[in-house]
N, C-alpha and C. Protein backbone atom coordinates (compact mmCIF):
# COMPACT_ATOMS: atom_id res chain seq x y z
N MET A 1 136.00 0.95 32.31
CA MET A 1 135.10 0.94 31.15
C MET A 1 135.72 1.79 30.04
N ASP A 2 135.88 1.22 28.84
CA ASP A 2 136.52 1.96 27.76
C ASP A 2 135.56 3.01 27.19
N ALA A 3 136.12 3.91 26.40
CA ALA A 3 135.34 5.05 25.89
C ALA A 3 134.17 4.60 25.02
N GLN A 4 134.39 3.61 24.18
CA GLN A 4 133.32 3.14 23.31
C GLN A 4 132.17 2.53 24.11
N LEU A 5 132.52 1.80 25.15
CA LEU A 5 131.48 1.18 25.99
C LEU A 5 130.71 2.25 26.75
N THR A 6 131.41 3.27 27.22
CA THR A 6 130.74 4.38 27.90
C THR A 6 129.78 5.09 26.97
N ALA A 7 130.21 5.32 25.73
CA ALA A 7 129.35 5.98 24.75
C ALA A 7 128.13 5.12 24.45
N PHE A 8 128.34 3.81 24.37
CA PHE A 8 127.22 2.92 24.07
C PHE A 8 126.18 2.93 25.18
N VAL A 9 126.63 3.00 26.43
CA VAL A 9 125.68 3.06 27.55
C VAL A 9 124.76 4.26 27.40
N GLY A 10 125.33 5.42 27.01
CA GLY A 10 124.52 6.60 26.80
C GLY A 10 123.55 6.43 25.65
N VAL A 11 124.02 5.85 24.55
CA VAL A 11 123.16 5.61 23.39
C VAL A 11 122.04 4.63 23.74
N ALA A 12 122.38 3.56 24.45
CA ALA A 12 121.39 2.56 24.82
C ALA A 12 120.33 3.14 25.75
N ALA A 13 120.76 3.97 26.69
CA ALA A 13 119.81 4.59 27.62
C ALA A 13 118.83 5.49 26.87
N ALA A 14 119.35 6.29 25.95
CA ALA A 14 118.48 7.17 25.17
C ALA A 14 117.54 6.37 24.28
N MET A 15 118.04 5.30 23.69
CA MET A 15 117.25 4.48 22.79
C MET A 15 116.10 3.79 23.54
N VAL A 16 116.39 3.27 24.73
CA VAL A 16 115.37 2.58 25.51
C VAL A 16 114.33 3.55 26.05
N ALA A 17 114.78 4.73 26.49
CA ALA A 17 113.87 5.70 27.11
C ALA A 17 113.03 6.47 26.10
N LEU A 18 113.40 6.41 24.83
CA LEU A 18 112.65 7.16 23.81
C LEU A 18 111.21 6.68 23.78
N PRO A 19 110.22 7.59 23.97
CA PRO A 19 108.82 7.17 23.98
C PRO A 19 108.40 6.54 22.66
N GLY A 20 107.67 5.47 22.74
CA GLY A 20 107.18 4.77 21.55
C GLY A 20 106.10 3.80 21.96
N ALA A 21 105.88 2.79 21.14
CA ALA A 21 104.83 1.82 21.43
C ALA A 21 105.08 1.09 22.75
N ASP A 22 106.34 0.74 23.03
CA ASP A 22 106.66 0.04 24.28
C ASP A 22 106.25 0.87 25.49
N PHE A 23 106.67 2.12 25.49
CA PHE A 23 106.38 3.04 26.58
C PHE A 23 104.87 3.20 26.76
N THR A 24 104.17 3.35 25.63
CA THR A 24 102.73 3.57 25.68
C THR A 24 101.99 2.38 26.27
N VAL A 25 102.37 1.18 25.85
CA VAL A 25 101.70 -0.02 26.35
C VAL A 25 101.99 -0.23 27.84
N VAL A 26 103.21 0.06 28.27
CA VAL A 26 103.54 -0.07 29.69
C VAL A 26 102.70 0.88 30.53
N VAL A 27 102.61 2.13 30.11
CA VAL A 27 101.81 3.12 30.86
C VAL A 27 100.35 2.71 30.90
N ARG A 28 99.83 2.29 29.75
CA ARG A 28 98.41 1.92 29.68
C ARG A 28 98.10 0.75 30.61
N ASN A 29 98.94 -0.27 30.61
CA ASN A 29 98.67 -1.43 31.46
C ASN A 29 98.96 -1.15 32.93
N ALA A 30 99.89 -0.23 33.20
CA ALA A 30 100.17 0.13 34.59
C ALA A 30 98.97 0.83 35.22
N LEU A 31 98.12 1.44 34.41
CA LEU A 31 96.90 2.05 34.94
C LEU A 31 95.93 0.98 35.44
N THR A 32 96.02 -0.21 34.89
CA THR A 32 95.17 -1.30 35.34
C THR A 32 95.62 -1.79 36.71
N SER A 33 96.92 -2.06 36.83
CA SER A 33 97.48 -2.46 38.12
C SER A 33 99.00 -2.39 38.03
N ARG A 34 99.61 -2.33 39.20
CA ARG A 34 101.08 -2.33 39.25
C ARG A 34 101.63 -3.62 38.66
N ALA A 35 100.99 -4.75 38.99
CA ALA A 35 101.46 -6.04 38.49
C ALA A 35 101.39 -6.10 36.98
N ALA A 36 100.30 -5.58 36.40
CA ALA A 36 100.16 -5.59 34.95
C ALA A 36 101.21 -4.70 34.30
N GLY A 37 101.48 -3.55 34.91
CA GLY A 37 102.49 -2.65 34.35
C GLY A 37 103.87 -3.26 34.38
N VAL A 38 104.24 -3.87 35.51
CA VAL A 38 105.56 -4.49 35.62
C VAL A 38 105.67 -5.69 34.68
N ALA A 39 104.58 -6.47 34.57
CA ALA A 39 104.59 -7.62 33.66
C ALA A 39 104.79 -7.16 32.22
N THR A 40 104.13 -6.08 31.84
CA THR A 40 104.30 -5.53 30.49
C THR A 40 105.75 -5.10 30.28
N ALA A 41 106.32 -4.45 31.29
CA ALA A 41 107.72 -4.02 31.21
C ALA A 41 108.65 -5.20 31.02
N LEU A 42 108.41 -6.28 31.75
CA LEU A 42 109.24 -7.48 31.59
C LEU A 42 109.05 -8.10 30.21
N GLY A 43 107.83 -8.03 29.69
CA GLY A 43 107.59 -8.53 28.34
C GLY A 43 108.35 -7.74 27.30
N VAL A 44 108.39 -6.42 27.46
CA VAL A 44 109.16 -5.56 26.55
C VAL A 44 110.64 -5.94 26.59
N ALA A 45 111.17 -6.15 27.80
CA ALA A 45 112.57 -6.55 27.94
C ALA A 45 112.81 -7.90 27.27
N GLY A 46 111.82 -8.79 27.37
CA GLY A 46 111.94 -10.08 26.70
C GLY A 46 111.99 -9.94 25.19
N GLY A 47 111.20 -9.02 24.65
CA GLY A 47 111.25 -8.76 23.22
C GLY A 47 112.60 -8.21 22.79
N LEU A 48 113.14 -7.31 23.61
CA LEU A 48 114.47 -6.77 23.32
C LEU A 48 115.54 -7.86 23.37
N LEU A 49 115.36 -8.80 24.28
CA LEU A 49 116.30 -9.92 24.37
C LEU A 49 116.31 -10.72 23.07
N VAL A 50 115.12 -10.92 22.50
CA VAL A 50 115.03 -11.63 21.21
C VAL A 50 115.78 -10.87 20.12
N HIS A 51 115.51 -9.56 20.02
CA HIS A 51 116.15 -8.76 18.97
C HIS A 51 117.66 -8.71 19.12
N THR A 52 118.13 -8.49 20.35
CA THR A 52 119.58 -8.40 20.54
C THR A 52 120.24 -9.76 20.31
N ALA A 53 119.57 -10.84 20.70
CA ALA A 53 120.12 -12.17 20.45
C ALA A 53 120.23 -12.44 18.95
N LEU A 54 119.21 -12.02 18.19
CA LEU A 54 119.24 -12.18 16.74
C LEU A 54 120.39 -11.39 16.13
N ALA A 55 120.58 -10.18 16.64
CA ALA A 55 121.65 -9.35 16.10
C ALA A 55 123.01 -9.96 16.40
N VAL A 56 123.18 -10.45 17.63
CA VAL A 56 124.44 -11.08 18.01
C VAL A 56 124.72 -12.30 17.13
N ALA A 57 123.67 -13.08 16.88
CA ALA A 57 123.84 -14.29 16.07
C ALA A 57 123.94 -13.99 14.58
N GLY A 58 123.62 -12.75 14.20
CA GLY A 58 123.67 -12.39 12.79
C GLY A 58 122.43 -12.78 12.02
N LEU A 59 121.44 -13.35 12.69
CA LEU A 59 120.23 -13.79 12.00
C LEU A 59 119.38 -12.62 11.53
N ALA A 60 119.54 -11.47 12.18
CA ALA A 60 118.76 -10.30 11.77
C ALA A 60 119.08 -9.91 10.33
N ALA A 61 120.27 -10.27 9.87
CA ALA A 61 120.65 -9.96 8.49
C ALA A 61 119.72 -10.64 7.49
N VAL A 62 119.14 -11.76 7.89
CA VAL A 62 118.22 -12.48 7.00
C VAL A 62 117.01 -11.61 6.67
N LEU A 63 116.50 -10.90 7.67
CA LEU A 63 115.34 -10.03 7.45
C LEU A 63 115.67 -8.93 6.46
N VAL A 64 116.89 -8.44 6.51
CA VAL A 64 117.30 -7.39 5.59
C VAL A 64 117.52 -7.95 4.20
N ALA A 65 118.04 -9.16 4.12
CA ALA A 65 118.37 -9.76 2.83
C ALA A 65 117.13 -10.21 2.06
N PHE A 66 116.06 -10.51 2.78
CA PHE A 66 114.83 -10.99 2.14
C PHE A 66 113.69 -10.02 2.41
N PRO A 67 113.45 -9.07 1.49
CA PRO A 67 112.44 -8.03 1.70
C PRO A 67 111.04 -8.58 1.98
N VAL A 68 110.67 -9.70 1.37
CA VAL A 68 109.32 -10.26 1.59
C VAL A 68 109.16 -10.67 3.05
N LEU A 69 110.18 -11.32 3.60
CA LEU A 69 110.13 -11.74 4.99
C LEU A 69 110.09 -10.53 5.91
N PHE A 70 110.89 -9.53 5.58
CA PHE A 70 110.92 -8.31 6.38
C PHE A 70 109.56 -7.62 6.35
N ARG A 71 108.95 -7.55 5.17
CA ARG A 71 107.65 -6.91 5.04
C ARG A 71 106.58 -7.68 5.82
N THR A 72 106.70 -8.99 5.86
CA THR A 72 105.75 -9.79 6.63
C THR A 72 105.83 -9.45 8.11
N VAL A 73 107.05 -9.37 8.63
CA VAL A 73 107.23 -8.99 10.02
C VAL A 73 106.70 -7.59 10.26
N GLN A 74 106.95 -6.70 9.31
CA GLN A 74 106.48 -5.32 9.42
C GLN A 74 104.96 -5.27 9.50
N LEU A 75 104.29 -6.02 8.66
CA LEU A 75 102.82 -6.04 8.65
C LEU A 75 102.26 -6.65 9.93
N LEU A 76 102.87 -7.73 10.39
CA LEU A 76 102.43 -8.36 11.63
C LEU A 76 102.57 -7.41 12.82
N GLY A 77 103.71 -6.77 12.90
CA GLY A 77 103.94 -5.82 13.99
C GLY A 77 102.99 -4.65 13.93
N GLY A 78 102.80 -4.10 12.72
CA GLY A 78 101.89 -2.97 12.56
C GLY A 78 100.46 -3.35 12.91
N ALA A 79 100.04 -4.53 12.47
CA ALA A 79 98.67 -4.99 12.74
C ALA A 79 98.44 -5.16 14.24
N TYR A 80 99.44 -5.69 14.94
CA TYR A 80 99.26 -5.90 16.38
C TYR A 80 99.20 -4.57 17.13
N VAL A 81 100.09 -3.64 16.79
CA VAL A 81 100.07 -2.32 17.43
C VAL A 81 98.76 -1.59 17.11
N LEU A 82 98.30 -1.73 15.87
CA LEU A 82 97.03 -1.12 15.46
C LEU A 82 95.88 -1.71 16.27
N TYR A 83 95.90 -3.01 16.47
CA TYR A 83 94.85 -3.69 17.26
C TYR A 83 94.83 -3.14 18.69
N LEU A 84 96.01 -2.99 19.31
CA LEU A 84 96.07 -2.46 20.67
C LEU A 84 95.53 -1.03 20.71
N GLY A 85 95.86 -0.24 19.68
CA GLY A 85 95.38 1.14 19.64
C GLY A 85 93.87 1.22 19.52
N ILE A 86 93.29 0.41 18.67
CA ILE A 86 91.83 0.41 18.49
C ILE A 86 91.14 -0.03 19.78
N CYS A 87 91.69 -1.03 20.45
CA CYS A 87 91.12 -1.48 21.72
C CYS A 87 91.14 -0.35 22.75
N ALA A 88 92.24 0.39 22.80
CA ALA A 88 92.35 1.49 23.76
C ALA A 88 91.36 2.60 23.43
N LEU A 89 91.21 2.93 22.14
CA LEU A 89 90.26 3.96 21.74
C LEU A 89 88.83 3.56 22.07
N ARG A 90 88.50 2.31 21.85
CA ARG A 90 87.15 1.82 22.16
C ARG A 90 86.89 1.88 23.66
N ALA A 91 87.91 1.52 24.46
CA ALA A 91 87.75 1.57 25.91
C ALA A 91 87.56 3.00 26.39
N ALA A 92 88.28 3.95 25.78
CA ALA A 92 88.17 5.34 26.21
C ALA A 92 86.83 5.96 25.83
N ARG A 93 86.17 5.43 24.81
CA ARG A 93 84.92 6.02 24.33
C ARG A 93 83.68 5.41 24.99
N ARG A 94 83.85 4.35 25.77
CA ARG A 94 82.69 3.73 26.41
C ARG A 94 82.04 4.71 27.38
N ASP A 95 80.72 4.81 27.32
CA ASP A 95 79.99 5.71 28.20
C ASP A 95 80.10 5.27 29.65
N THR A 96 80.23 3.95 29.86
CA THR A 96 80.29 3.42 31.22
C THR A 96 81.72 3.23 31.70
N TRP A 97 82.67 3.82 30.95
CA TRP A 97 84.08 3.62 31.28
C TRP A 97 84.38 4.20 32.65
N ARG A 98 85.22 3.48 33.41
CA ARG A 98 85.75 4.02 34.65
C ARG A 98 87.16 3.49 34.85
N ALA A 99 87.94 4.21 35.60
CA ALA A 99 89.33 3.80 35.83
C ALA A 99 89.36 2.47 36.55
N PRO A 100 90.28 1.58 36.19
CA PRO A 100 90.37 0.28 36.83
C PRO A 100 90.72 0.37 38.28
N ASP A 101 90.22 -0.54 39.07
CA ASP A 101 90.51 -0.62 40.50
C ASP A 101 91.69 -1.56 40.69
N ALA A 102 92.87 -0.97 40.90
CA ALA A 102 94.09 -1.79 40.98
C ALA A 102 94.03 -2.75 42.15
N GLY A 103 93.50 -2.29 43.29
CA GLY A 103 93.45 -3.14 44.46
C GLY A 103 92.60 -4.36 44.21
N ALA A 104 91.43 -4.16 43.59
CA ALA A 104 90.55 -5.29 43.32
C ALA A 104 91.20 -6.26 42.36
N ALA A 105 91.91 -5.71 41.38
CA ALA A 105 92.55 -6.58 40.39
C ALA A 105 93.62 -7.45 41.03
N GLU A 106 94.36 -6.87 42.01
CA GLU A 106 95.44 -7.61 42.62
C GLU A 106 94.93 -8.55 43.71
N ASP A 107 93.76 -8.24 44.29
CA ASP A 107 93.24 -9.10 45.34
C ASP A 107 92.64 -10.38 44.78
N ASP A 108 92.10 -10.32 43.58
CA ASP A 108 91.50 -11.48 42.97
C ASP A 108 92.60 -12.29 42.28
N GLY A 109 93.08 -13.35 42.97
CA GLY A 109 94.25 -14.09 42.48
C GLY A 109 94.09 -14.62 41.09
N GLY A 110 92.95 -15.21 40.77
CA GLY A 110 92.76 -15.81 39.46
C GLY A 110 92.79 -14.78 38.36
N ARG A 111 91.98 -13.72 38.53
CA ARG A 111 91.93 -12.70 37.48
C ARG A 111 93.23 -11.94 37.39
N ALA A 112 93.89 -11.73 38.54
CA ALA A 112 95.16 -11.00 38.51
C ALA A 112 96.20 -11.77 37.72
N THR A 113 96.26 -13.09 37.94
CA THR A 113 97.22 -13.92 37.20
C THR A 113 96.94 -13.87 35.72
N LYS A 114 95.66 -13.97 35.35
CA LYS A 114 95.30 -13.93 33.95
C LYS A 114 95.65 -12.58 33.34
N GLY A 115 95.35 -11.49 34.08
CA GLY A 115 95.66 -10.16 33.56
C GLY A 115 97.15 -9.93 33.43
N THR A 116 97.93 -10.45 34.40
CA THR A 116 99.37 -10.30 34.35
C THR A 116 99.97 -11.06 33.17
N GLY A 117 99.47 -12.26 32.93
CA GLY A 117 99.95 -13.03 31.78
C GLY A 117 99.64 -12.34 30.47
N ARG A 118 98.46 -11.76 30.37
CA ARG A 118 98.09 -11.05 29.16
C ARG A 118 98.97 -9.82 28.98
N ALA A 119 99.26 -9.11 30.08
CA ALA A 119 100.11 -7.92 30.00
C ALA A 119 101.53 -8.29 29.58
N LEU A 120 102.04 -9.40 30.14
CA LEU A 120 103.37 -9.87 29.76
C LEU A 120 103.42 -10.18 28.27
N ARG A 121 102.38 -10.82 27.78
CA ARG A 121 102.30 -11.17 26.35
C ARG A 121 102.23 -9.91 25.49
N GLN A 122 101.44 -8.94 25.92
CA GLN A 122 101.32 -7.69 25.14
C GLN A 122 102.66 -6.97 25.05
N GLY A 123 103.36 -6.88 26.19
CA GLY A 123 104.66 -6.22 26.18
C GLY A 123 105.65 -6.92 25.26
N PHE A 124 105.67 -8.24 25.34
CA PHE A 124 106.60 -9.02 24.51
C PHE A 124 106.30 -8.85 23.03
N LEU A 125 105.02 -9.02 22.65
CA LEU A 125 104.66 -8.95 21.23
C LEU A 125 104.84 -7.55 20.66
N THR A 126 104.53 -6.54 21.47
CA THR A 126 104.69 -5.16 20.99
C THR A 126 106.14 -4.89 20.60
N ASN A 127 107.07 -5.40 21.39
CA ASN A 127 108.48 -5.18 21.08
C ASN A 127 109.00 -6.18 20.06
N ALA A 128 108.66 -7.45 20.24
CA ALA A 128 109.22 -8.50 19.38
C ALA A 128 108.78 -8.34 17.93
N LEU A 129 107.59 -7.77 17.70
CA LEU A 129 107.09 -7.61 16.34
C LEU A 129 107.44 -6.24 15.74
N ASN A 130 108.32 -5.52 16.41
CA ASN A 130 108.78 -4.24 15.88
C ASN A 130 109.81 -4.50 14.77
N PRO A 131 109.48 -4.23 13.50
CA PRO A 131 110.38 -4.59 12.41
C PRO A 131 111.63 -3.72 12.33
N LYS A 132 111.60 -2.57 12.98
CA LYS A 132 112.77 -1.69 12.91
C LYS A 132 113.89 -2.18 13.83
N ALA A 133 113.53 -2.90 14.88
CA ALA A 133 114.52 -3.28 15.89
C ALA A 133 115.65 -4.15 15.34
N PRO A 134 115.36 -5.19 14.53
CA PRO A 134 116.48 -6.01 14.02
C PRO A 134 117.49 -5.20 13.23
N VAL A 135 116.99 -4.30 12.38
CA VAL A 135 117.90 -3.47 11.58
C VAL A 135 118.68 -2.53 12.47
N LEU A 136 118.00 -1.97 13.48
CA LEU A 136 118.67 -1.03 14.40
C LEU A 136 119.83 -1.70 15.11
N PHE A 137 119.57 -2.85 15.70
CA PHE A 137 120.63 -3.52 16.45
C PHE A 137 121.71 -4.08 15.54
N LEU A 138 121.32 -4.56 14.37
CA LEU A 138 122.31 -5.11 13.45
C LEU A 138 123.27 -4.03 12.97
N SER A 139 122.76 -2.82 12.83
CA SER A 139 123.61 -1.71 12.36
C SER A 139 124.32 -1.00 13.51
N LEU A 140 123.72 -1.04 14.72
CA LEU A 140 124.26 -0.27 15.84
C LEU A 140 125.38 -1.02 16.57
N LEU A 141 125.15 -2.27 16.90
CA LEU A 141 126.11 -3.00 17.75
C LEU A 141 127.52 -3.05 17.16
N PRO A 142 127.68 -3.32 15.84
CA PRO A 142 129.05 -3.39 15.31
C PRO A 142 129.82 -2.07 15.42
N GLN A 143 129.11 -0.93 15.53
CA GLN A 143 129.78 0.35 15.62
C GLN A 143 130.58 0.50 16.92
N PHE A 144 130.26 -0.31 17.90
CA PHE A 144 130.91 -0.19 19.20
C PHE A 144 131.79 -1.40 19.52
N VAL A 145 132.21 -2.10 18.48
CA VAL A 145 133.17 -3.19 18.63
C VAL A 145 134.55 -2.65 18.24
N PRO A 146 135.48 -2.53 19.17
CA PRO A 146 136.81 -1.98 18.85
C PRO A 146 137.53 -2.84 17.82
N ALA A 147 138.36 -2.20 17.05
CA ALA A 147 139.16 -2.92 16.05
C ALA A 147 140.03 -3.96 16.74
N GLY A 148 140.00 -5.16 16.21
CA GLY A 148 140.80 -6.24 16.76
C GLY A 148 140.13 -7.02 17.87
N ALA A 149 138.99 -6.54 18.36
CA ALA A 149 138.29 -7.24 19.44
C ALA A 149 137.46 -8.38 18.86
N ALA A 150 137.25 -9.43 19.66
CA ALA A 150 136.41 -10.55 19.23
C ALA A 150 134.96 -10.07 19.15
N PRO A 151 134.32 -10.17 17.99
CA PRO A 151 132.97 -9.60 17.82
C PRO A 151 131.91 -10.23 18.72
N LEU A 152 131.93 -11.56 18.88
CA LEU A 152 130.85 -12.23 19.60
C LEU A 152 130.77 -11.83 21.07
N PRO A 153 131.86 -11.90 21.84
CA PRO A 153 131.77 -11.49 23.26
C PRO A 153 131.39 -10.02 23.41
N ARG A 154 131.91 -9.18 22.51
CA ARG A 154 131.64 -7.75 22.63
C ARG A 154 130.17 -7.44 22.33
N THR A 155 129.66 -7.98 21.23
CA THR A 155 128.27 -7.71 20.89
C THR A 155 127.32 -8.33 21.93
N ALA A 156 127.71 -9.47 22.50
CA ALA A 156 126.89 -10.07 23.56
C ALA A 156 126.84 -9.14 24.77
N LEU A 157 127.96 -8.51 25.10
CA LEU A 157 127.99 -7.55 26.20
C LEU A 157 127.11 -6.35 25.91
N LEU A 158 127.21 -5.83 24.69
CA LEU A 158 126.39 -4.67 24.30
C LEU A 158 124.90 -5.03 24.35
N ALA A 159 124.57 -6.21 23.89
CA ALA A 159 123.17 -6.66 23.92
C ALA A 159 122.67 -6.76 25.36
N ALA A 160 123.52 -7.28 26.24
CA ALA A 160 123.14 -7.41 27.65
C ALA A 160 122.90 -6.04 28.28
N ILE A 161 123.67 -5.04 27.87
CA ILE A 161 123.48 -3.69 28.39
C ILE A 161 122.12 -3.14 27.99
N VAL A 162 121.72 -3.36 26.73
CA VAL A 162 120.43 -2.88 26.26
C VAL A 162 119.30 -3.52 27.06
N VAL A 163 119.36 -4.83 27.24
CA VAL A 163 118.31 -5.53 27.99
C VAL A 163 118.29 -5.07 29.44
N LEU A 164 119.46 -4.87 30.04
CA LEU A 164 119.53 -4.39 31.42
C LEU A 164 118.91 -3.01 31.55
N MET A 165 119.18 -2.14 30.58
CA MET A 165 118.58 -0.81 30.58
C MET A 165 117.05 -0.90 30.55
N ALA A 166 116.55 -1.80 29.71
CA ALA A 166 115.10 -1.98 29.62
C ALA A 166 114.53 -2.51 30.92
N LEU A 167 115.25 -3.42 31.57
CA LEU A 167 114.79 -3.99 32.83
C LEU A 167 114.78 -2.97 33.96
N MET A 168 115.57 -1.90 33.81
CA MET A 168 115.55 -0.82 34.80
C MET A 168 114.51 0.23 34.46
N TRP A 169 114.44 0.60 33.18
CA TRP A 169 113.60 1.73 32.77
C TRP A 169 112.11 1.42 32.78
N PHE A 170 111.69 0.37 32.09
CA PHE A 170 110.27 0.13 31.94
C PHE A 170 109.56 -0.25 33.25
N PRO A 171 110.15 -1.11 34.11
CA PRO A 171 109.51 -1.30 35.42
C PRO A 171 109.44 -0.01 36.24
N ALA A 172 110.47 0.85 36.11
CA ALA A 172 110.43 2.13 36.83
C ALA A 172 109.27 2.98 36.34
N VAL A 173 109.03 2.99 35.03
CA VAL A 173 107.88 3.72 34.48
C VAL A 173 106.58 3.16 35.03
N ALA A 174 106.47 1.83 35.05
CA ALA A 174 105.25 1.19 35.56
C ALA A 174 105.03 1.54 37.03
N LEU A 175 106.08 1.50 37.84
CA LEU A 175 105.96 1.81 39.26
C LEU A 175 105.61 3.27 39.49
N LEU A 176 106.16 4.15 38.65
CA LEU A 176 105.83 5.57 38.77
C LEU A 176 104.37 5.82 38.44
N VAL A 177 103.88 5.19 37.39
CA VAL A 177 102.47 5.33 37.03
C VAL A 177 101.59 4.81 38.17
N ASP A 178 101.98 3.68 38.74
CA ASP A 178 101.21 3.13 39.87
C ASP A 178 101.27 4.06 41.08
N ARG A 179 102.43 4.67 41.29
CA ARG A 179 102.61 5.59 42.42
C ARG A 179 101.67 6.79 42.28
N LEU A 180 101.50 7.24 41.06
CA LEU A 180 100.61 8.37 40.78
C LEU A 180 99.20 7.89 40.47
N GLY A 181 98.95 6.61 40.77
CA GLY A 181 97.71 5.97 40.35
C GLY A 181 96.45 6.66 40.80
N ARG A 182 96.43 7.17 42.04
CA ARG A 182 95.19 7.80 42.54
C ARG A 182 94.76 8.94 41.64
N TRP A 183 95.74 9.73 41.18
CA TRP A 183 95.40 10.85 40.29
C TRP A 183 95.19 10.35 38.86
N LEU A 184 96.07 9.47 38.40
CA LEU A 184 95.99 9.00 37.02
C LEU A 184 94.74 8.16 36.77
N ARG A 185 94.22 7.49 37.81
CA ARG A 185 93.05 6.64 37.63
C ARG A 185 91.74 7.38 37.82
N ARG A 186 91.77 8.68 38.03
CA ARG A 186 90.53 9.45 38.02
C ARG A 186 89.88 9.29 36.65
N PRO A 187 88.58 9.07 36.61
CA PRO A 187 87.93 8.76 35.32
C PRO A 187 88.32 9.69 34.18
N ARG A 188 88.27 10.99 34.41
CA ARG A 188 88.57 11.91 33.31
C ARG A 188 90.03 11.82 32.88
N THR A 189 90.93 11.78 33.87
CA THR A 189 92.37 11.70 33.55
C THR A 189 92.70 10.39 32.85
N ALA A 190 92.17 9.28 33.41
CA ALA A 190 92.48 7.98 32.85
C ALA A 190 91.90 7.82 31.45
N ARG A 191 90.72 8.38 31.23
CA ARG A 191 90.13 8.32 29.89
C ARG A 191 91.00 9.09 28.90
N ALA A 192 91.53 10.23 29.34
CA ALA A 192 92.40 11.01 28.45
C ALA A 192 93.67 10.24 28.13
N ILE A 193 94.26 9.57 29.13
CA ILE A 193 95.47 8.79 28.90
C ILE A 193 95.16 7.61 27.99
N GLU A 194 94.03 6.95 28.26
CA GLU A 194 93.63 5.81 27.44
C GLU A 194 93.43 6.24 25.98
N GLY A 195 92.73 7.38 25.81
CA GLY A 195 92.50 7.89 24.45
C GLY A 195 93.78 8.30 23.77
N GLY A 196 94.67 8.98 24.53
CA GLY A 196 95.96 9.38 23.96
C GLY A 196 96.82 8.19 23.59
N SER A 197 96.83 7.17 24.48
CA SER A 197 97.57 5.95 24.19
C SER A 197 97.02 5.27 22.94
N GLY A 198 95.69 5.20 22.87
CA GLY A 198 95.06 4.57 21.70
C GLY A 198 95.39 5.29 20.41
N ALA A 199 95.36 6.62 20.46
CA ALA A 199 95.68 7.40 19.26
C ALA A 199 97.13 7.18 18.84
N ALA A 200 98.04 7.17 19.82
CA ALA A 200 99.46 6.99 19.50
C ALA A 200 99.72 5.60 18.92
N LEU A 201 99.13 4.57 19.54
CA LEU A 201 99.34 3.21 19.05
C LEU A 201 98.70 3.01 17.68
N THR A 202 97.52 3.60 17.49
CA THR A 202 96.86 3.48 16.18
C THR A 202 97.68 4.15 15.09
N ALA A 203 98.23 5.32 15.38
CA ALA A 203 99.05 6.03 14.40
C ALA A 203 100.30 5.22 14.07
N LEU A 204 100.96 4.67 15.10
CA LEU A 204 102.16 3.86 14.87
C LEU A 204 101.83 2.63 14.03
N GLY A 205 100.71 1.99 14.34
CA GLY A 205 100.31 0.81 13.59
C GLY A 205 100.02 1.12 12.13
N LEU A 206 99.33 2.24 11.90
CA LEU A 206 99.01 2.64 10.53
C LEU A 206 100.27 2.94 9.72
N VAL A 207 101.25 3.57 10.37
CA VAL A 207 102.51 3.87 9.68
C VAL A 207 103.20 2.58 9.24
N LEU A 208 103.19 1.58 10.12
CA LEU A 208 103.85 0.32 9.79
C LEU A 208 103.09 -0.47 8.73
N VAL A 209 101.76 -0.44 8.81
CA VAL A 209 100.96 -1.23 7.88
C VAL A 209 100.89 -0.61 6.49
N THR A 210 100.76 0.72 6.44
CA THR A 210 100.55 1.39 5.16
C THR A 210 101.82 2.02 4.61
N GLY A 211 102.85 2.13 5.43
CA GLY A 211 104.06 2.81 4.99
C GLY A 211 104.86 1.98 4.00
N PRO A 212 105.86 2.59 3.38
CA PRO A 212 106.71 1.86 2.45
C PRO A 212 107.58 0.86 3.18
N LEU A 213 108.15 -0.07 2.45
CA LEU A 213 109.04 -1.07 3.01
C LEU A 213 110.23 -0.38 3.64
N LEU A 214 110.46 -0.71 4.91
CA LEU A 214 111.57 -0.09 5.61
C LEU A 214 112.88 -0.63 5.10
N PRO A 215 113.95 0.21 5.10
CA PRO A 215 115.23 -0.25 4.60
C PRO A 215 115.85 -1.29 5.51
């Protein structure tokens, strides 16, 4: 493994592990059930696959070249994250709120499948609608292409590393949350996590919706 590739692995690991909307949604859904948490994690990885594929193809440059299109993506992403945050805050404030029963959710095949599909969709949309990701990958990947190397195979390799990192990290987070589930699903603890997740997602959504146009 060459030095640039080694450096990129470290950068990719830090970038994927950095807490944000993806991490928050995975933790929140993992409190519902292990299956929902893992499905959310896979959805996040799917969103990253979209972004890295766009960067490799050069299509992400279109978002940068056309500010109106970029702002549209920014607003859509912010609105969706804001929606998830408000839902979490409302759930945490319910007087009758109680921690979800993971066993019951997984035993009921129909509802479990529906919940897993919804979690997969939430993970994918949370990441795919992140307007910063196309710019990040478009600017980051070329920095690790050695002089004289063919850009397409190299950037495809770098993109695959990012997605692989996500496929390792986010399911691990979901499984850890499930492992600690007995403590984390205690009503008071789970309500605090739900409220904290809601506050974080709401803040992130508001920044995207009301903030200035990102470069």
